Amino acid sequence: MAQLTEAVQAATAKRERAELDAAEANLRRQQKLLALGSAHKSDVNRAQEKLAELKSPKN
């Protein structure tokens, strides 16, 4: 049972890290697109909010 719990925790941590990495990449992409005139400031703001949400402590 302990191994299962550890596996779940490891998988959860891996998923959270992947989500954070994706949010960081998305923010960089939106910032580049904004600089090129192909995105809106609201897209960058939304990407920043998502990243902040993922970085905030859980519970």
PDB file of N, CA and C in Angstrom:
ATOM      1  N   MET A   1       0.824  -1.192   0.000  1.00  0.00           N
ATOM      2  CA  MET A   1       0.000   0.000   0.000  1.00  0.00           C
ATOM      3  C   MET A   1       0.868   1.256   0.000  1.00  0.00           C
ATOM      4  N   ALA A   2       1.975   1.211   0.748  1.00  0.00           N
ATOM      5  CA  ALA A   2       2.875   2.364   0.811  1.00  0.00           C
ATOM      6  C   ALA A   2       3.485   2.642  -0.559  1.00  0.00           C
ATOM      7  N   GLN A   3       3.796   1.580  -1.297  1.00  0.00           N
ATOM      8  CA  GLN A   3       4.372   1.761  -2.631  1.00  0.00           C
ATOM      9  C   GLN A   3       3.371   2.435  -3.566  1.00  0.00           C
ATOM     10  N   LEU A   4       2.116   2.064  -3.430  1.00  0.00           N
ATOM     11  CA  LEU A   4       1.075   2.666  -4.254  1.00  0.00           C
ATOM     12  C   LEU A   4       0.944   4.151  -3.937  1.00  0.00           C
ATOM     13  N   THR A   5       0.959   4.477  -2.662  1.00  0.00           N
ATOM     14  CA  THR A   5       0.872   5.875  -2.239  1.00  0.00           C
ATOM     15  C   THR A   5       2.053   6.671  -2.778  1.00  0.00           C
ATOM     16  N   GLU A   6       3.240   6.093  -2.687  1.00  0.00           N
ATOM     17  CA  GLU A   6       4.433   6.765  -3.201  1.00  0.00           C
ATOM     18  C   GLU A   6       4.344   6.957  -4.713  1.00  0.00           C
ATOM     19  N   ALA A   7       3.837   5.962  -5.404  1.00  0.00           N
ATOM     20  CA  ALA A   7       3.703   6.051  -6.857  1.00  0.00           C
ATOM     21  C   ALA A   7       2.717   7.153  -7.241  1.00  0.00           C
ATOM     22  N   VAL A   8       1.627   7.241  -6.501  1.00  0.00           N
ATOM     23  CA  VAL A   8       0.631   8.284  -6.763  1.00  0.00           C
ATOM     24  C   VAL A   8       1.237   9.660  -6.504  1.00  0.00           C
ATOM     25  N   GLN A   9       1.965   9.794  -5.411  1.00  0.00           N
ATOM     26  CA  GLN A   9       2.594  11.077  -5.091  1.00  0.00           C
ATOM     27  C   GLN A   9       3.625  11.459  -6.146  1.00  0.00           C
ATOM     28  N   ALA A  10       4.406  10.507  -6.601  1.00  0.00           N
ATOM     29  CA  ALA A  10       5.411  10.776  -7.627  1.00  0.00           C
ATOM     30  C   ALA A  10       4.744  11.184  -8.941  1.00  0.00           C
ATOM     31  N   ALA A  11       3.679  10.492  -9.303  1.00  0.00           N
ATOM     32  CA  ALA A  11       2.970  10.813 -10.539  1.00  0.00           C
ATOM     33  C   ALA A  11       2.330  12.195 -10.449  1.00  0.00           C
ATOM     34  N   THR A  12       1.787  12.512  -9.295  1.00  0.00           N
ATOM     35  CA  THR A  12       1.176  13.825  -9.091  1.00  0.00           C
ATOM     36  C   THR A  12       2.218  14.927  -9.194  1.00  0.00           C
ATOM     37  N   ALA A  13       3.360  14.725  -8.567  1.00  0.00           N
ATOM     38  CA  ALA A  13       4.434  15.719  -8.622  1.00  0.00           C
ATOM     39  C   ALA A  13       4.929  15.898 -10.056  1.00  0.00           C
ATOM     40  N   LYS A  14       5.042  14.803 -10.782  1.00  0.00           N
ATOM     41  CA  LYS A  14       5.501  14.859 -12.174  1.00  0.00           C
ATOM     42  C   LYS A  14       4.496  15.622 -13.037  1.00  0.00           C
ATOM     43  N   ARG A  15       3.213  15.363 -12.830  1.00  0.00           N
ATOM     44  CA  ARG A  15       2.164  16.057 -13.586  1.00  0.00           C
ATOM     45  C   ARG A  15       2.172  17.548 -13.277  1.00  0.00           C
ATOM     46  N   GLU A  16       2.294  17.890 -11.989  1.00  0.00           N
ATOM     47  CA  GLU A  16       2.317  19.297 -11.599  1.00  0.00           C
ATOM     48  C   GLU A  16       3.518  20.014 -12.209  1.00  0.00           C
ATOM     49  N   ARG A  17       4.667  19.351 -12.231  1.00  0.00           N
ATOM     50  CA  ARG A  17       5.867  19.945 -12.825  1.00  0.00           C
ATOM     51  C   ARG A  17       5.666  20.147 -14.326  1.00  0.00           C
ATOM     52  N   ALA A  18       5.046  19.173 -14.978  1.00  0.00           N
ATOM     53  CA  ALA A  18       4.790  19.283 -16.416  1.00  0.00           C
ATOM     54  C   ALA A  18       3.832  20.437 -16.707  1.00  0.00           C
ATOM     55  N   GLU A  19       2.809  20.596 -15.874  1.00  0.00           N
ATOM     56  CA  GLU A  19       1.867  21.698 -16.054  1.00  0.00           C
ATOM     57  C   GLU A  19       2.565  23.040 -15.868  1.00  0.00           C
ATOM     58  N   LEU A  20       3.431  23.118 -14.867  1.00  0.00           N
ATOM     59  CA  LEU A  20       4.177  24.347 -14.609  1.00  0.00           C
ATOM     60  C   LEU A  20       5.109  24.664 -15.777  1.00  0.00           C
ATOM     61  N   ASP A  21       5.816  23.666 -16.263  1.00  0.00           N
ATOM     62  CA  ASP A  21       6.706  23.862 -17.414  1.00  0.00           C
ATOM     63  C   ASP A  21       5.920  24.340 -18.638  1.00  0.00           C
ATOM     64  N   ALA A  22       4.762  23.752 -18.860  1.00  0.00           N
ATOM     65  CA  ALA A  22       3.933  24.135 -20.002  1.00  0.00           C
ATOM     66  C   ALA A  22       3.430  25.568 -19.851  1.00  0.00           C
ATOM     67  N   ALA A  23       3.045  25.945 -18.643  1.00  0.00           N
ATOM     68  CA  ALA A  23       2.563  27.306 -18.403  1.00  0.00           C
ATOM     69  C   ALA A  23       3.679  28.328 -18.609  1.00  0.00           C
ATOM     70  N   GLU A  24       4.887  27.987 -18.173  1.00  0.00           N
ATOM     71  CA  GLU A  24       6.026  28.890 -18.375  1.00  0.00           C
ATOM     72  C   GLU A  24       6.328  29.045 -19.866  1.00  0.00           C
ATOM     73  N   ALA A  25       6.295  27.948 -20.594  1.00  0.00           N
ATOM     74  CA  ALA A  25       6.543  27.994 -22.038  1.00  0.00           C
ATOM     75  C   ALA A  25       5.447  28.793 -22.744  1.00  0.00           C
ATOM     76  N   ASN A  26       4.219  28.614 -22.315  1.00  0.00           N
ATOM     77  CA  ASN A  26       3.108  29.343 -22.918  1.00  0.00           C
ATOM     78  C   ASN A  26       3.253  30.843 -22.676  1.00  0.00           C
ATOM     79  N   LEU A  27       3.651  31.224 -21.469  1.00  0.00           N
ATOM     80  CA  LEU A  27       3.844  32.643 -21.177  1.00  0.00           C
ATOM     81  C   LEU A  27       4.925  33.234 -22.085  1.00  0.00           C
ATOM     82  N   ARG A  28       6.046  32.545 -22.206  1.00  0.00           N
ATOM     83  CA  ARG A  28       7.114  33.033 -23.091  1.00  0.00           C
ATOM     84  C   ARG A  28       6.613  33.162 -24.531  1.00  0.00           C
ATOM     85  N   ARG A  29       5.844  32.175 -24.974  1.00  0.00           N
ATOM     86  CA  ARG A  29       5.308  32.195 -26.341  1.00  0.00           C
ATOM     87  C   ARG A  29       4.358  33.375 -26.534  1.00  0.00           C
ATOM     88  N   GLN A  30       3.473  33.594 -25.561  1.00  0.00           N
ATOM     89  CA  GLN A  30       2.522  34.703 -25.667  1.00  0.00           C
ATOM     90  C   GLN A  30       3.242  36.050 -25.662  1.00  0.00           C
ATOM     91  N   GLN A  31       4.298  36.162 -24.854  1.00  0.00           N
ATOM     92  CA  GLN A  31       5.068  37.404 -24.819  1.00  0.00           C
ATOM     93  C   GLN A  31       5.741  37.661 -26.166  1.00  0.00           C
ATOM     94  N   LYS A  32       6.282  36.609 -26.777  1.00  0.00           N
ATOM     95  CA  LYS A  32       6.909  36.760 -28.096  1.00  0.00           C
ATOM     96  C   LYS A  32       5.871  37.146 -29.143  1.00  0.00           C
ATOM     97  N   LEU A  33       4.717  36.488 -29.091  1.00  0.00           N
ATOM     98  CA  LEU A  33       3.659  36.807 -30.047  1.00  0.00           C
ATOM     99  C   LEU A  33       3.175  38.241 -29.877  1.00  0.00           C
ATOM    100  N   LEU A  34       3.079  38.704 -28.643  1.00  0.00           N
ATOM    101  CA  LEU A  34       2.672  40.084 -28.387  1.00  0.00           C
ATOM    102  C   LEU A  34       3.695  41.045 -28.984  1.00  0.00           C
ATOM    103  N   ALA A  35       4.967  40.744 -28.796  1.00  0.00           N
ATOM    104  CA  ALA A  35       6.026  41.599 -29.341  1.00  0.00           C
ATOM    105  C   ALA A  35       5.965  41.651 -30.870  1.00  0.00           C
ATOM    106  N   LEU A  36       5.525  40.562 -31.475  1.00  0.00           N
ATOM    107  CA  LEU A  36       5.411  40.503 -32.934  1.00  0.00           C
ATOM    108  C   LEU A  36       4.085  41.070 -33.438  1.00  0.00           C
ATOM    109  N   GLY A  37       3.197  41.388 -32.512  1.00  0.00           N
ATOM    110  CA  GLY A  37       1.896  41.921 -32.890  1.00  0.00           C
ATOM    111  C   GLY A  37       0.874  40.860 -33.228  1.00  0.00           C
ATOM    112  N   SER A  38       1.151  39.617 -32.862  1.00  0.00           N
ATOM    113  CA  SER A  38       0.244  38.514 -33.195  1.00  0.00           C
ATOM    114  C   SER A  38      -0.568  38.018 -32.007  1.00  0.00           C
ATOM    115  N   ALA A  39      -0.482  38.711 -30.888  1.00  0.00           N
ATOM    116  CA  ALA A  39      -1.249  38.317 -29.701  1.00  0.00           C
ATOM    117  C   ALA A  39      -1.772  39.579 -29.033  1.00  0.00           C
ATOM    118  N   HIS A  40      -2.681  39.380 -28.116  1.00  0.00           N
ATOM    119  CA  HIS A  40      -3.244  40.491 -27.352  1.00  0.00           C
ATOM    120  C   HIS A  40      -2.645  40.493 -25.952  1.00  0.00           C
ATOM    121  N   LYS A  41      -2.653  41.655 -25.336  1.00  0.00           N
ATOM    122  CA  LYS A  41      -2.162  41.767 -23.964  1.00  0.00           C
ATOM    123  C   LYS A  41      -2.975  40.849 -23.043  1.00  0.00           C
ATOM    124  N   SER A  42      -4.248  40.675 -23.341  1.00  0.00           N
ATOM    125  CA  SER A  42      -5.089  39.805 -22.513  1.00  0.00           C
ATOM    126  C   SER A  42      -4.605  38.355 -22.563  1.00  0.00           C
ATOM    127  N   ASP A  43      -4.045  37.938 -23.697  1.00  0.00           N
ATOM    128  CA  ASP A  43      -3.495  36.582 -23.802  1.00  0.00           C
ATOM    129  C   ASP A  43      -2.296  36.425 -22.879  1.00  0.00           C
ATOM    130  N   VAL A  44      -1.459  37.455 -22.831  1.00  0.00           N
ATOM    131  CA  VAL A  44      -0.294  37.433 -21.945  1.00  0.00           C
ATOM    132  C   VAL A  44      -0.759  37.443 -20.493  1.00  0.00           C
ATOM    133  N   ASN A  45      -1.740  38.286 -20.194  1.00  0.00           N
ATOM    134  CA  ASN A  45      -2.260  38.348 -18.823  1.00  0.00           C
ATOM    135  C   ASN A  45      -2.831  37.011 -18.381  1.00  0.00           C
ATOM    136  N   ARG A  46      -3.567  36.369 -19.268  1.00  0.00           N
ATOM    137  CA  ARG A  46      -4.158  35.065 -18.946  1.00  0.00           C
ATOM    138  C   ARG A  46      -3.058  34.033 -18.692  1.00  0.00           C
ATOM    139  N   ALA A  47      -2.013  34.062 -19.495  1.00  0.00           N
ATOM    140  CA  ALA A  47      -0.889  33.139 -19.310  1.00  0.00           C
ATOM    141  C   ALA A  47      -0.180  33.413 -17.986  1.00  0.00           C
ATOM    142  N   GLN A  48      -0.038  34.692 -17.629  1.00  0.00           N
ATOM    143  CA  GLN A  48       0.581  35.048 -16.350  1.00  0.00           C
ATOM    144  C   GLN A  48      -0.272  34.575 -15.179  1.00  0.00           C
ATOM    145  N   GLU A  49      -1.584  34.736 -15.296  1.00  0.00           N
ATOM    146  CA  GLU A  49      -2.490  34.300 -14.232  1.00  0.00           C
ATOM    147  C   GLU A  49      -2.444  32.787 -14.049  1.00  0.00           C
ATOM    148  N   LYS A  50      -2.415  32.059 -15.146  1.00  0.00           N
ATOM    149  CA  LYS A  50      -2.347  30.596 -15.076  1.00  0.00           C
ATOM    150  C   LYS A  50      -1.055  30.155 -14.402  1.00  0.00           C
ATOM    151  N   LEU A  51       0.052  30.791 -14.759  1.00  0.00           N
ATOM    152  CA  LEU A  51       1.338  30.454 -14.156  1.00  0.00           C
ATOM    153  C   LEU A  51       1.324  30.771 -12.665  1.00  0.00           C
ATOM    154  N   ALA A  52       0.786  31.916 -12.296  1.00  0.00           N
ATOM    155  CA  ALA A  52       0.711  32.287 -10.881  1.00  0.00           C
ATOM    156  C   ALA A  52      -0.161  31.301 -10.107  1.00  0.00           C
ATOM    157  N   GLU A  53      -1.247  30.873 -10.723  1.00  0.00           N
ATOM    158  CA  GLU A  53      -2.144  29.897 -10.093  1.00  0.00           C
ATOM    159  C   GLU A  53      -1.414  28.583  -9.831  1.00  0.00           C
ATOM    160  N   LEU A  54      -0.640  28.144 -10.796  1.00  0.00           N
ATOM    161  CA  LEU A  54       0.087  26.885 -10.641  1.00  0.00           C
ATOM    162  C   LEU A  54       1.223  26.999  -9.631  1.00  0.00           C
ATOM    163  N   LYS A  55       1.797  28.192  -9.497  1.00  0.00           N
ATOM    164  CA  LYS A  55       2.899  28.389  -8.556  1.00  0.00           C
ATOM    165  C   LYS A  55       2.422  28.590  -7.123  1.00  0.00           C
ATOM    166  N   SER A  56       1.155  28.963  -6.952  1.00  0.00           N
ATOM    167  CA  SER A  56       0.652  29.228  -5.606  1.00  0.00           C
ATOM    168  C   SER A  56       0.572  27.927  -4.810  1.00  0.00           C
ATOM    169  N   PRO A  57       0.795  28.028  -3.495  1.00  0.00           N
ATOM    170  CA  PRO A  57       0.740  26.820  -2.652  1.00  0.00           C
ATOM    171  C   PRO A  57      -0.652  26.193  -2.682  1.00  0.00           C
ATOM    172  N   LYS A  58      -0.677  24.903  -2.653  1.00  0.00           N
ATOM    173  CA  LYS A  58      -1.952  24.175  -2.642  1.00  0.00           C
ATOM    174  C   LYS A  58      -2.505  24.143  -1.218  1.00  0.00           C
ATOM    175  N   ASN A  59      -3.809  24.399  -1.121  1.00  0.00           N
ATOM    176  CA  ASN A  59      -4.529  24.397   0.168  1.00  0.00           C
ATOM    177  C   ASN A  59      -3.848  25.303   1.134  1.00  0.00           C
TER     178      ASN A  59
END
